[in-house]
PDB file of N, CA and C in Angstrom:
ATOM      1  N   UNK A   1     -23.111  13.245   9.614  1.00  0.00           N
ATOM      2  CA  UNK A   1     -23.448  12.079   8.553  1.00  0.00           C
ATOM      3  C   UNK A   1     -22.544  10.828   8.740  1.00  0.00           C
ATOM      4  N   UNK A   2     -23.263  10.309   8.618  1.00  0.00           N
ATOM      5  CA  UNK A   2     -22.332   8.454   8.829  1.00  0.00           C
ATOM      6  C   UNK A   2     -22.808   7.872   7.310  1.00  0.00           C
ATOM      7  N   UNK A   3     -21.592   8.047   6.048  1.00  0.00           N
ATOM      8  CA  UNK A   3     -22.091   7.852   4.986  1.00  0.00           C
ATOM      9  C   UNK A   3     -22.367   6.262   4.782  1.00  0.00           C
ATOM     10  N   UNK A   4     -21.583   5.163   5.637  1.00  0.00           N
ATOM     11  CA  UNK A   4     -22.027   4.047   5.390  1.00  0.00           C
ATOM     12  C   UNK A   4     -23.606   3.703   5.431  1.00  0.00           C
ATOM     13  N   UNK A   5     -24.506   4.701   6.288  1.00  0.00           N
ATOM     14  CA  UNK A   5     -25.692   3.899   6.037  1.00  0.00           C
ATOM     15  C   UNK A   5     -26.607   4.359   5.340  1.00  0.00           C
ATOM     16  N   UNK A   6     -25.794   5.408   4.140  1.00  0.00           N
ATOM     17  CA  UNK A   6     -26.441   5.497   3.218  1.00  0.00           C
ATOM     18  C   UNK A   6     -26.052   5.160   1.932  1.00  0.00           C
ATOM     19  N   UNK A   7     -24.953   4.298   2.331  1.00  0.00           N
ATOM     20  CA  UNK A   7     -24.595   3.378   0.893  1.00  0.00           C
ATOM     21  C   UNK A   7     -25.359   2.093   1.322  1.00  0.00           C
ATOM     22  N   UNK A   8     -25.803   1.820   2.031  1.00  0.00           N
ATOM     23  CA  UNK A   8     -26.845   0.193   2.493  1.00  0.00           C
ATOM     24  C   UNK A   8     -27.724   0.517   1.700  1.00  0.00           C
ATOM     25  N   UNK A   9     -28.237   0.782   0.208  1.00  0.00           N
ATOM     26  CA  UNK A   9     -29.464   0.960  -0.278  1.00  0.00           C
ATOM     27  C   UNK A   9     -29.683  -0.420  -1.113  1.00  0.00           C
ATOM     28  N   UNK A  10     -30.457  -0.944  -0.914  1.00  0.00           N
ATOM     29  CA  UNK A  10     -31.367  -1.821  -1.662  1.00  0.00           C
ATOM     30  C   UNK A  10     -31.258  -2.030  -3.153  1.00  0.00           C
ATOM     31  N   UNK A  11     -31.487  -0.427  -3.487  1.00  0.00           N
ATOM     32  CA  UNK A  11     -31.381  -0.441  -5.067  1.00  0.00           C
ATOM     33  C   UNK A  11     -30.195  -0.211  -5.622  1.00  0.00           C
ATOM     34  N   UNK A  12     -29.116  -0.385  -5.183  1.00  0.00           N
ATOM     35  CA  UNK A  12     -27.184  -0.314  -5.644  1.00  0.00           C
ATOM     36  C   UNK A  12     -27.537  -1.783  -6.716  1.00  0.00           C
ATOM     37  N   UNK A  13     -26.811  -1.410  -7.490  1.00  0.00           N
ATOM     38  CA  UNK A  13     -26.840  -2.715  -8.441  1.00  0.00           C
ATOM     39  C   UNK A  13     -25.745  -2.749  -9.220  1.00  0.00           C
ATOM     40  N   UNK A  14     -25.128  -4.178  -9.187  1.00  0.00           N
ATOM     41  CA  UNK A  14     -23.887  -4.173  -9.816  1.00  0.00           C
ATOM     42  C   UNK A  14     -24.293  -4.553 -11.403  1.00  0.00           C
ATOM     43  N   UNK A  15     -24.131  -3.546 -12.165  1.00  0.00           N
ATOM     44  CA  UNK A  15     -24.459  -3.972 -13.718  1.00  0.00           C
ATOM     45  C   UNK A  15     -23.326  -4.816 -14.439  1.00  0.00           C
ATOM     46  N   UNK A  16     -22.036  -4.721 -14.425  1.00  0.00           N
ATOM     47  CA  UNK A  16     -21.132  -5.878 -14.856  1.00  0.00           C
ATOM     48  C   UNK A  16     -20.141  -4.938 -15.215  1.00  0.00           C
ATOM     49  N   UNK A  17     -18.567  -5.527 -15.901  1.00  0.00           N
ATOM     50  CA  UNK A  17     -17.713  -5.094 -16.010  1.00  0.00           C
ATOM     51  C   UNK A  17     -17.113  -4.884 -17.388  1.00  0.00           C
ATOM     52  N   UNK A  18     -16.059  -4.311 -17.883  1.00  0.00           N
ATOM     53  CA  UNK A  18     -16.015  -4.205 -19.543  1.00  0.00           C
ATOM     54  C   UNK A  18     -13.742  -4.531 -19.634  1.00  0.00           C
ATOM     55  N   UNK A  19     -13.842  -4.000 -20.644  1.00  0.00           N
ATOM     56  CA  UNK A  19     -12.265  -4.038 -20.774  1.00  0.00           C
ATOM     57  C   UNK A  19     -11.794  -2.457 -19.853  1.00  0.00           C
ATOM     58  N   UNK A  20     -10.791  -2.880 -20.101  1.00  0.00           N
ATOM     59  CA  UNK A  20      -9.963  -1.315 -19.346  1.00  0.00           C
ATOM     60  C   UNK A  20     -10.244  -1.269 -18.158  1.00  0.00           C
ATOM     61  N   UNK A  21     -10.371  -2.970 -16.887  1.00  0.00           N
ATOM     62  CA  UNK A  21     -10.978  -3.023 -16.057  1.00  0.00           C
ATOM     63  C   UNK A  21     -12.156  -1.705 -15.939  1.00  0.00           C
ATOM     64  N   UNK A  22     -13.228  -1.761 -16.812  1.00  0.00           N
ATOM     65  CA  UNK A  22     -14.137  -0.887 -16.816  1.00  0.00           C
ATOM     66  C   UNK A  22     -15.627  -1.680 -15.671  1.00  0.00           C
ATOM     67  N   UNK A  23     -15.904  -0.709 -14.849  1.00  0.00           N
ATOM     68  CA  UNK A  23     -16.956  -1.115 -13.862  1.00  0.00           C
ATOM     69  C   UNK A  23     -18.227  -0.307 -14.180  1.00  0.00           C
ATOM     70  N   UNK A  24     -20.021  -1.084 -14.033  1.00  0.00           N
ATOM     71  CA  UNK A  24     -20.655  -0.456 -14.296  1.00  0.00           C
ATOM     72  C   UNK A  24     -21.314  -0.401 -12.995  1.00  0.00           C
ATOM     73  N   UNK A  25     -22.059   0.640 -12.607  1.00  0.00           N
ATOM     74  CA  UNK A  25     -23.136   0.798 -11.189  1.00  0.00           C
ATOM     75  C   UNK A  25     -24.410   1.193 -11.453  1.00  0.00           C
ATOM     76  N   UNK A  26     -25.147   0.844 -10.835  1.00  0.00           N
ATOM     77  CA  UNK A  26     -26.747   1.684 -10.675  1.00  0.00           C
ATOM     78  C   UNK A  26     -26.926   1.557  -9.290  1.00  0.00           C
ATOM     79  N   UNK A  27     -27.380   3.448  -8.790  1.00  0.00           N
ATOM     80  CA  UNK A  27     -27.804   3.479  -7.870  1.00  0.00           C
ATOM     81  C   UNK A  27     -29.271   4.281  -7.799  1.00  0.00           C
ATOM     82  N   UNK A  28     -30.344   3.101  -7.469  1.00  0.00           N
ATOM     83  CA  UNK A  28     -31.683   3.856  -7.188  1.00  0.00           C
ATOM     84  C   UNK A  28     -32.502   4.446  -6.912  1.00  0.00           C
ATOM     85  N   UNK A  29     -31.880   4.494  -5.619  1.00  0.00           N
ATOM     86  CA  UNK A  29     -32.364   5.633  -4.656  1.00  0.00           C
ATOM     87  C   UNK A  29     -31.149   6.504  -4.107  1.00  0.00           C
ATOM     88  N   UNK A  30     -31.653   7.739  -4.169  1.00  0.00           N
ATOM     89  CA  UNK A  30     -30.045   8.599  -3.565  1.00  0.00           C
ATOM     90  C   UNK A  30     -30.601   9.641  -2.299  1.00  0.00           C
ATOM     91  N   UNK A  31     -30.013   9.232  -1.260  1.00  0.00           N
ATOM     92  CA  UNK A  31     -30.407   9.853   0.111  1.00  0.00           C
ATOM     93  C   UNK A  31     -30.330  11.464  -0.505  1.00  0.00           C
ATOM     94  N   UNK A  32     -30.954  12.240   0.253  1.00  0.00           N
ATOM     95  CA  UNK A  32     -30.964  13.717   0.027  1.00  0.00           C
ATOM     96  C   UNK A  32     -29.491  14.287   0.185  1.00  0.00           C
ATOM     97  N   UNK A  33     -29.199  14.036   1.386  1.00  0.00           N
ATOM     98  CA  UNK A  33     -27.882  14.525   1.812  1.00  0.00           C
ATOM     99  C   UNK A  33     -26.668  14.343   0.683  1.00  0.00           C
ATOM    100  N   UNK A  34     -26.842  13.094  -0.080  1.00  0.00           N
ATOM    101  CA  UNK A  34     -25.869  12.671  -1.129  1.00  0.00           C
ATOM    102  C   UNK A  34     -26.022  13.422  -2.394  1.00  0.00           C
ATOM    103  N   UNK A  35     -27.495  13.683  -2.611  1.00  0.00           N
ATOM    104  CA  UNK A  35     -27.957  14.720  -3.619  1.00  0.00           C
ATOM    105  C   UNK A  35     -27.156  15.535  -3.393  1.00  0.00           C
ATOM    106  N   UNK A  36     -27.417  16.798  -2.522  1.00  0.00           N
ATOM    107  CA  UNK A  36     -26.923  17.789  -2.002  1.00  0.00           C
ATOM    108  C   UNK A  36     -24.989  18.079  -1.868  1.00  0.00           C
ATOM    109  N   UNK A  37     -24.701  16.731  -1.745  1.00  0.00           N
ATOM    110  CA  UNK A  37     -22.865  17.286  -1.335  1.00  0.00           C
ATOM    111  C   UNK A  37     -22.734  16.471  -2.850  1.00  0.00           C
ATOM    112  N   UNK A  38     -23.457  15.822  -3.688  1.00  0.00           N
ATOM    113  CA  UNK A  38     -22.907  15.700  -5.166  1.00  0.00           C
ATOM    114  C   UNK A  38     -23.240  16.545  -6.215  1.00  0.00           C
ATOM    115  N   UNK A  39     -24.034  17.312  -5.776  1.00  0.00           N
ATOM    116  CA  UNK A  39     -24.735  18.396  -6.426  1.00  0.00           C
ATOM    117  C   UNK A  39     -25.778  17.448  -7.522  1.00  0.00           C
ATOM    118  N   UNK A  40     -26.797  17.006  -7.082  1.00  0.00           N
ATOM    119  CA  UNK A  40     -27.237  16.330  -8.281  1.00  0.00           C
ATOM    120  C   UNK A  40     -28.644  16.998  -8.291  1.00  0.00           C
ATOM    121  N   UNK A  41     -29.225  17.146  -9.389  1.00  0.00           N
ATOM    122  CA  UNK A  41     -30.575  18.130  -9.361  1.00  0.00           C
ATOM    123  C   UNK A  41     -31.741  17.444  -8.959  1.00  0.00           C
ATOM    124  N   UNK A  42     -32.430  17.812  -8.374  1.00  0.00           N
ATOM    125  CA  UNK A  42     -33.595  17.005  -7.393  1.00  0.00           C
ATOM    126  C   UNK A  42     -34.518  16.022  -8.593  1.00  0.00           C
ATOM    127  N   UNK A  43     -34.475  16.643  -9.943  1.00  0.00           N
ATOM    128  CA  UNK A  43     -35.135  15.404 -11.156  1.00  0.00           C
ATOM    129  C   UNK A  43     -34.701  14.335 -11.128  1.00  0.00           C
ATOM    130  N   UNK A  44     -33.375  14.007 -10.927  1.00  0.00           N
ATOM    131  CA  UNK A  44     -32.946  12.928 -10.902  1.00  0.00           C
ATOM    132  C   UNK A  44     -32.649  11.685  -9.661  1.00  0.00           C
ATOM    133  N   UNK A  45     -33.660  10.694  -9.663  1.00  0.00           N
ATOM    134  CA  UNK A  45     -33.922  10.101  -8.604  1.00  0.00           C
ATOM    135  C   UNK A  45     -32.931   8.614  -8.825  1.00  0.00           C
ATOM    136  N   UNK A  46     -32.187   8.349  -9.718  1.00  0.00           N
ATOM    137  CA  UNK A  46     -31.088   7.383  -9.871  1.00  0.00           C
ATOM    138  C   UNK A  46     -29.889   7.965 -10.666  1.00  0.00           C
ATOM    139  N   UNK A  47     -28.783   7.034 -10.261  1.00  0.00           N
ATOM    140  CA  UNK A  47     -27.668   7.267 -11.118  1.00  0.00           C
ATOM    141  C   UNK A  47     -26.908   6.317 -11.522  1.00  0.00           C
ATOM    142  N   UNK A  48     -25.965   6.488 -12.497  1.00  0.00           N
ATOM    143  CA  UNK A  48     -25.603   5.645 -13.515  1.00  0.00           C
ATOM    144  C   UNK A  48     -23.949   5.878 -13.062  1.00  0.00           C
ATOM    145  N   UNK A  49     -22.976   4.837 -13.129  1.00  0.00           N
ATOM    146  CA  UNK A  49     -21.496   5.280 -12.502  1.00  0.00           C
ATOM    147  C   UNK A  49     -20.836   4.056 -13.733  1.00  0.00           C
ATOM    148  N   UNK A  50     -20.298   4.463 -14.525  1.00  0.00           N
ATOM    149  CA  UNK A  50     -19.177   3.906 -15.151  1.00  0.00           C
ATOM    150  C   UNK A  50     -17.568   4.134 -14.803  1.00  0.00           C
ATOM    151  N   UNK A  51     -16.816   3.391 -14.139  1.00  0.00           N
ATOM    152  CA  UNK A  51     -15.879   4.144 -14.073  1.00  0.00           C
ATOM    153  C   UNK A  51     -14.337   2.913 -14.883  1.00  0.00           C
ATOM    154  N   UNK A  52     -13.655   3.287 -14.189  1.00  0.00           N
ATOM    155  CA  UNK A  52     -12.167   2.718 -15.348  1.00  0.00           C
ATOM    156  C   UNK A  52     -10.997   2.935 -14.799  1.00  0.00           C
ATOM    157  N   UNK A  53      -9.939   1.919 -14.437  1.00  0.00           N
ATOM    158  CA  UNK A  53      -8.890   2.097 -13.803  1.00  0.00           C
ATOM    159  C   UNK A  53      -8.362   2.804 -15.034  1.00  0.00           C
ATOM    160  N   UNK A  54      -8.139   2.030 -16.236  1.00  0.00           N
ATOM    161  CA  UNK A  54      -6.523   2.442 -17.212  1.00  0.00           C
ATOM    162  C   UNK A  54      -7.346   3.072 -18.407  1.00  0.00           C
ATOM    163  N   UNK A  55      -8.592   3.335 -18.380  1.00  0.00           N
ATOM    164  CA  UNK A  55      -9.225   3.990 -19.973  1.00  0.00           C
ATOM    165  C   UNK A  55     -10.096   5.116 -19.681  1.00  0.00           C
ATOM    166  N   UNK A  56     -10.220   5.677 -20.724  1.00  0.00           N
ATOM    167  CA  UNK A  56     -10.563   7.093 -20.867  1.00  0.00           C
ATOM    168  C   UNK A  56     -11.553   6.999 -22.439  1.00  0.00           C
ATOM    169  N   UNK A  57     -10.627   6.911 -23.322  1.00  0.00           N
ATOM    170  CA  UNK A  57     -11.314   6.997 -24.379  1.00  0.00           C
ATOM    171  C   UNK A  57     -12.441   6.079 -24.773  1.00  0.00           C
ATOM    172  N   UNK A  58     -12.275   4.963 -24.730  1.00  0.00           N
ATOM    173  CA  UNK A  58     -13.319   4.220 -25.264  1.00  0.00           C
ATOM    174  C   UNK A  58     -14.690   4.141 -24.719  1.00  0.00           C
ATOM    175  N   UNK A  59     -13.864   4.508 -22.941  1.00  0.00           N
ATOM    176  CA  UNK A  59     -15.556   5.090 -22.069  1.00  0.00           C
ATOM    177  C   UNK A  59     -16.324   6.240 -22.521  1.00  0.00           C
ATOM    178  N   UNK A  60     -15.599   6.790 -22.982  1.00  0.00           N
ATOM    179  CA  UNK A  60     -16.142   8.087 -23.125  1.00  0.00           C
ATOM    180  C   UNK A  60     -17.052   8.126 -24.383  1.00  0.00           C
ATOM    181  N   UNK A  61     -16.540   7.649 -25.566  1.00  0.00           N
ATOM    182  CA  UNK A  61     -17.193   7.137 -26.653  1.00  0.00           C
ATOM    183  C   UNK A  61     -18.481   6.373 -26.317  1.00  0.00           C
ATOM    184  N   UNK A  62     -18.326   5.498 -25.564  1.00  0.00           N
ATOM    185  CA  UNK A  62     -19.354   4.800 -25.109  1.00  0.00           C
ATOM    186  C   UNK A  62     -20.509   5.237 -24.184  1.00  0.00           C
ATOM    187  N   UNK A  63     -20.116   6.156 -23.222  1.00  0.00           N
ATOM    188  CA  UNK A  63     -21.099   6.907 -22.630  1.00  0.00           C
ATOM    189  C   UNK A  63     -21.943   8.053 -23.248  1.00  0.00           C
ATOM    190  N   UNK A  64     -21.006   8.328 -24.743  1.00  0.00           N
ATOM    191  CA  UNK A  64     -22.066   9.254 -25.724  1.00  0.00           C
ATOM    192  C   UNK A  64     -22.731   8.580 -26.263  1.00  0.00           C
ATOM    193  N   UNK A  65     -22.578   7.162 -27.155  1.00  0.00           N
ATOM    194  CA  UNK A  65     -23.609   6.542 -27.423  1.00  0.00           C
ATOM    195  C   UNK A  65     -25.015   5.991 -26.934  1.00  0.00           C
ATOM    196  N   UNK A  66     -24.262   5.888 -25.644  1.00  0.00           N
ATOM    197  CA  UNK A  66     -25.515   5.513 -24.858  1.00  0.00           C
ATOM    198  C   UNK A  66     -26.294   6.527 -24.205  1.00  0.00           C
ATOM    199  N   UNK A  67     -26.168   7.555 -24.248  1.00  0.00           N
ATOM    200  CA  UNK A  67     -26.689   8.889 -23.420  1.00  0.00           C
ATOM    201  C   UNK A  67     -27.536   9.328 -24.941  1.00  0.00           C
ATOM    202  N   UNK A  68     -27.180   9.029 -25.944  1.00  0.00           N
ATOM    203  CA  UNK A  68     -28.102   9.434 -27.185  1.00  0.00           C
ATOM    204  C   UNK A  68     -29.164   8.267 -27.119  1.00  0.00           C
ATOM    205  N   UNK A  69     -29.055   7.077 -26.370  1.00  0.00           N
ATOM    206  CA  UNK A  69     -29.910   5.772 -26.738  1.00  0.00           C
ATOM    207  C   UNK A  69     -31.250   6.143 -25.478  1.00  0.00           C
ATOM    208  N   UNK A  70     -30.942   6.436 -24.602  1.00  0.00           N
ATOM    209  CA  UNK A  70     -31.543   6.692 -23.317  1.00  0.00           C
ATOM    210  C   UNK A  70     -31.697   8.181 -22.652  1.00  0.00           C
ATOM    211  N   UNK A  71     -32.854   8.450 -22.105  1.00  0.00           N
ATOM    212  CA  UNK A  71     -32.876   9.588 -21.266  1.00  0.00           C
ATOM    213  C   UNK A  71     -32.105  10.065 -20.221  1.00  0.00           C
ATOM    214  N   UNK A  72     -31.244   9.835 -20.038  1.00  0.00           N
ATOM    215  CA  UNK A  72     -30.323  10.408 -19.207  1.00  0.00           C
ATOM    216  C   UNK A  72     -29.410  12.074 -19.363  1.00  0.00           C
ATOM    217  N   UNK A  73     -28.512  12.065 -18.110  1.00  0.00           N
ATOM    218  CA  UNK A  73     -27.634  13.460 -18.451  1.00  0.00           C
ATOM    219  C   UNK A  73     -26.342  13.110 -17.695  1.00  0.00           C
ATOM    220  N   UNK A  74     -25.055  13.467 -18.565  1.00  0.00           N
ATOM    221  CA  UNK A  74     -24.254  13.274 -17.821  1.00  0.00           C
ATOM    222  C   UNK A  74     -23.632  14.710 -16.481  1.00  0.00           C
ATOM    223  N   UNK A  75     -23.403  14.151 -15.375  1.00  0.00           N
ATOM    224  CA  UNK A  75     -23.606  14.776 -13.998  1.00  0.00           C
ATOM    225  C   UNK A  75     -22.113  15.327 -13.692  1.00  0.00           C
ATOM    226  N   UNK A  76     -21.053  14.508 -14.031  1.00  0.00           N
ATOM    227  CA  UNK A  76     -20.131  14.619 -13.472  1.00  0.00           C
ATOM    228  C   UNK A  76     -19.327  13.774 -14.322  1.00  0.00           C
ATOM    229  N   UNK A  77     -17.910  14.047 -14.885  1.00  0.00           N
ATOM    230  CA  UNK A  77     -16.556  13.683 -15.223  1.00  0.00           C
ATOM    231  C   UNK A  77     -15.505  13.852 -14.791  1.00  0.00           C
ATOM    232  N   UNK A  78     -14.572  12.913 -14.333  1.00  0.00           N
ATOM    233  CA  UNK A  78     -13.217  13.215 -13.772  1.00  0.00           C
ATOM    234  C   UNK A  78     -12.344  11.967 -13.996  1.00  0.00           C
ATOM    235  N   UNK A  79     -11.170  12.254 -14.169  1.00  0.00           N
ATOM    236  CA  UNK A  79      -9.596  11.589 -14.960  1.00  0.00           C
ATOM    237  C   UNK A  79      -8.901  11.789 -13.516  1.00  0.00           C
ATOM    238  N   UNK A  80      -7.962  10.454 -13.657  1.00  0.00           N
ATOM    239  CA  UNK A  80      -7.211  10.245 -12.576  1.00  0.00           C
ATOM    240  C   UNK A  80      -6.038  10.045 -13.180  1.00  0.00           C
ATOM    241  N   UNK A  81      -4.913   9.642 -12.826  1.00  0.00           N
ATOM    242  CA  UNK A  81      -3.615   8.919 -13.086  1.00  0.00           C
ATOM    243  C   UNK A  81      -3.974   7.693 -12.299  1.00  0.00           C
ATOM    244  N   UNK A  82      -3.373   6.535 -13.618  1.00  0.00           N
ATOM    245  CA  UNK A  82      -3.771   5.006 -13.103  1.00  0.00           C
ATOM    246  C   UNK A  82      -2.702   4.654 -12.044  1.00  0.00           C
ATOM    247  N   UNK A  83      -3.515   4.478 -10.863  1.00  0.00           N
ATOM    248  CA  UNK A  83      -2.249   3.688  -9.948  1.00  0.00           C
ATOM    249  C   UNK A  83      -1.571   2.064 -10.145  1.00  0.00           C
ATOM    250  N   UNK A  84      -2.509   1.397 -11.261  1.00  0.00           N
ATOM    251  CA  UNK A  84      -2.205  -0.178 -11.411  1.00  0.00           C
ATOM    252  C   UNK A  84      -1.380  -0.149 -12.523  1.00  0.00           C
ATOM    253  N   UNK A  85      -0.225   1.306 -12.767  1.00  0.00           N
ATOM    254  CA  UNK A  85       1.275   0.820 -13.227  1.00  0.00           C
ATOM    255  C   UNK A  85       1.053   0.177 -14.867  1.00  0.00           C
ATOM    256  N   UNK A  86      -0.312   0.627 -15.427  1.00  0.00           N
ATOM    257  CA  UNK A  86      -0.751   0.071 -16.755  1.00  0.00           C
ATOM    258  C   UNK A  86      -0.570   1.405 -17.629  1.00  0.00           C
ATOM    259  N   UNK A  87      -0.621   1.479 -18.691  1.00  0.00           N
ATOM    260  CA  UNK A  87      -0.927   2.565 -19.665  1.00  0.00           C
ATOM    261  C   UNK A  87      -2.426   3.347 -19.327  1.00  0.00           C
ATOM    262  N   UNK A  88      -2.564   5.020 -19.742  1.00  0.00           N
ATOM    263  CA  UNK A  88      -3.618   5.211 -19.346  1.00  0.00           C
ATOM    264  C   UNK A  88      -4.461   5.921 -18.097  1.00  0.00           C
ATOM    265  N   UNK A  89      -5.490   6.694 -18.392  1.00  0.00           N
ATOM    266  CA  UNK A  89      -5.502   7.333 -17.176  1.00  0.00           C
ATOM    267  C   UNK A  89      -6.868   6.390 -16.719  1.00  0.00           C
ATOM    268  N   UNK A  90      -7.189   7.066 -15.677  1.00  0.00           N
ATOM    269  CA  UNK A  90      -8.873   6.034 -15.165  1.00  0.00           C
ATOM    270  C   UNK A  90      -9.980   7.360 -15.503  1.00  0.00           C
ATOM    271  N   UNK A  91     -10.718   6.731 -15.483  1.00  0.00           N
ATOM    272  CA  UNK A  91     -12.024   7.793 -15.740  1.00  0.00           C
ATOM    273  C   UNK A  91     -13.075   6.858 -14.823  1.00  0.00           C
ATOM    274  N   UNK A  92     -14.169   8.251 -14.388  1.00  0.00           N
ATOM    275  CA  UNK A  92     -15.335   8.049 -13.676  1.00  0.00           C
ATOM    276  C   UNK A  92     -16.421   9.250 -14.354  1.00  0.00           C
ATOM    277  N   UNK A  93     -17.521   8.590 -14.765  1.00  0.00           N
ATOM    278  CA  UNK A  93     -18.557   8.862 -15.297  1.00  0.00           C
ATOM    279  C   UNK A  93     -20.023   8.660 -14.306  1.00  0.00           C
ATOM    280  N   UNK A  94     -20.196  10.128 -13.894  1.00  0.00           N
ATOM    281  CA  UNK A  94     -21.494   9.655 -13.086  1.00  0.00           C
ATOM    282  C   UNK A  94     -22.997  10.497 -14.101  1.00  0.00           C
ATOM    283  N   UNK A  95     -23.744   9.761 -13.944  1.00  0.00           N
ATOM    284  CA  UNK A  95     -24.974  10.056 -15.311  1.00  0.00           C
ATOM    285  C   UNK A  95     -26.562  10.286 -14.398  1.00  0.00           C
ATOM    286  N   UNK A  96     -27.210  10.899 -14.209  1.00  0.00           N
ATOM    287  CA  UNK A  96     -28.327  11.475 -13.908  1.00  0.00           C
ATOM    288  C   UNK A  96     -29.825  11.024 -14.949  1.00  0.00           C
ATOM    289  N   UNK A  97     -30.366  10.102 -14.196  1.00  0.00           N
ATOM    290  CA  UNK A  97     -31.480   9.700 -14.830  1.00  0.00           C
ATOM    291  C   UNK A  97     -32.727  10.012 -13.992  1.00  0.00           C
ATOM    292  N   UNK A  98     -34.300  10.050 -14.718  1.00  0.00           N
ATOM    293  CA  UNK A  98     -35.126  10.105 -13.676  1.00  0.00           C
ATOM    294  C   UNK A  98     -36.069   8.849 -13.232  1.00  0.00           C
ATOM    295  N   UNK A  99     -35.400   7.069 -13.802  1.00  0.00           N
ATOM    296  CA  UNK A  99     -35.614   6.452 -13.230  1.00  0.00           C
ATOM    297  C   UNK A  99     -34.513   4.949 -13.360  1.00  0.00           C
ATOM    298  N   UNK A 100     -35.038   4.294 -12.543  1.00  0.00           N
ATOM    299  CA  UNK A 100     -33.889   3.498 -12.276  1.00  0.00           C
ATOM    300  C   UNK A 100     -33.680   2.406 -13.680  1.00  0.00           C
ATOM    301  N   UNK A 101     -34.506   2.263 -14.385  1.00  0.00           N
ATOM    302  CA  UNK A 101     -35.017   1.557 -15.493  1.00  0.00           C
ATOM    303  C   UNK A 101     -33.685   1.924 -16.492  1.00  0.00           C
ATOM    304  N   UNK A 102     -34.042   3.657 -16.985  1.00  0.00           N
ATOM    305  CA  UNK A 102     -33.165   4.215 -18.044  1.00  0.00           C
ATOM    306  C   UNK A 102     -31.763   4.225 -17.243  1.00  0.00           C
ATOM    307  N   UNK A 103     -31.322   4.849 -15.832  1.00  0.00           N
ATOM    308  CA  UNK A 103     -30.285   3.804 -15.291  1.00  0.00           C
ATOM    309  C   UNK A 103     -29.280   3.027 -15.695  1.00  0.00           C
ATOM    310  N   UNK A 104     -29.995   1.781 -15.612  1.00  0.00           N
ATOM    311  CA  UNK A 104     -29.478   0.960 -16.272  1.00  0.00           C
ATOM    312  C   UNK A 104     -29.155   0.227 -17.608  1.00  0.00           C
ATOM    313  N   UNK A 105     -30.091   0.694 -18.601  1.00  0.00           N
ATOM    314  CA  UNK A 105     -30.505   0.911 -19.763  1.00  0.00           C
ATOM    315  C   UNK A 105     -28.888   1.188 -19.810  1.00  0.00           C
ATOM    316  N   UNK A 106     -28.664   2.513 -19.666  1.00  0.00           N
ATOM    317  CA  UNK A 106     -27.309   3.178 -20.083  1.00  0.00           C
ATOM    318  C   UNK A 106     -25.927   2.453 -19.903  1.00  0.00           C
ATOM    319  N   UNK A 107     -26.200   1.836 -18.762  1.00  0.00           N
ATOM    320  CA  UNK A 107     -24.834   1.093 -18.062  1.00  0.00           C
ATOM    321  C   UNK A 107     -24.489  -0.084 -19.128  1.00  0.00           C
ATOM    322  N   UNK A 108     -25.650  -0.880 -19.196  1.00  0.00           N
ATOM    323  CA  UNK A 108     -25.828  -2.058 -20.318  1.00  0.00           C
ATOM    324  C   UNK A 108     -25.093  -1.304 -21.317  1.00  0.00           C
ATOM    325  N   UNK A 109     -25.666  -0.443 -22.343  1.00  0.00           N
ATOM    326  CA  UNK A 109     -25.142  -0.149 -23.593  1.00  0.00           C
ATOM    327  C   UNK A 109     -24.114   0.240 -23.392  1.00  0.00           C
ATOM    328  N   UNK A 110     -23.371   1.126 -22.322  1.00  0.00           N
ATOM    329  CA  UNK A 110     -21.748   1.506 -22.622  1.00  0.00           C
ATOM    330  C   UNK A 110     -21.353   0.468 -22.467  1.00  0.00           C
ATOM    331  N   UNK A 111     -21.288  -0.783 -21.295  1.00  0.00           N
ATOM    332  CA  UNK A 111     -20.299  -1.470 -20.960  1.00  0.00           C
ATOM    333  C   UNK A 111     -20.530  -2.408 -22.775  1.00  0.00           C
ATOM    334  N   UNK A 112     -21.673  -2.567 -23.396  1.00  0.00           N
ATOM    335  CA  UNK A 112     -21.239  -3.521 -24.356  1.00  0.00           C
ATOM    336  C   UNK A 112     -20.677  -2.904 -25.736  1.00  0.00           C
ATOM    337  N   UNK A 113     -20.523  -1.400 -25.529  1.00  0.00           N
ATOM    338  CA  UNK A 113     -19.917  -0.213 -26.497  1.00  0.00           C
ATOM    339  C   UNK A 113     -18.216  -0.737 -26.021  1.00  0.00           C
ATOM    340  N   UNK A 114     -18.262  -0.541 -24.943  1.00  0.00           N
ATOM    341  CA  UNK A 114     -16.339  -0.454 -24.922  1.00  0.00           C
ATOM    342  C   UNK A 114     -16.159  -1.816 -25.008  1.00  0.00           C
ATOM    343  N   UNK A 115     -16.439  -3.353 -24.910  1.00  0.00           N
ATOM    344  CA  UNK A 115     -15.975  -4.253 -25.518  1.00  0.00           C
ATOM    345  C   UNK A 115     -16.062  -4.173 -26.994  1.00  0.00           C
ATOM    346  N   UNK A 116     -16.990  -3.608 -27.507  1.00  0.00           N
ATOM    347  CA  UNK A 116     -16.969  -3.550 -28.758  1.00  0.00           C
ATOM    348  C   UNK A 116     -15.470  -2.866 -29.359  1.00  0.00           C
TER     349      UNK A 116
END
């Protein structure tokens, strides 16, 4: 499987950034092989990604608020020690949505809440 071909999607969107090196992305069309690899249920056509290099608590609270406002489900959460020599650990949230508008709205709400 050539992963580079799967990542060249026109439906991939950079949504924005927030405090603590946080970035928000949306992938609107997920290839079936990637769904199988990441164990994403078939009902989700889009995924939201919120990731931070040096924070987790503010991101987790923001994701919780955003999930309550939009029809999405947390699919994966991972934490790692920061390689940037700053305090805190990094995090990765992957959330599933039935459509791209819900996925994008979740990231927009989460990024706004992190800055708040």
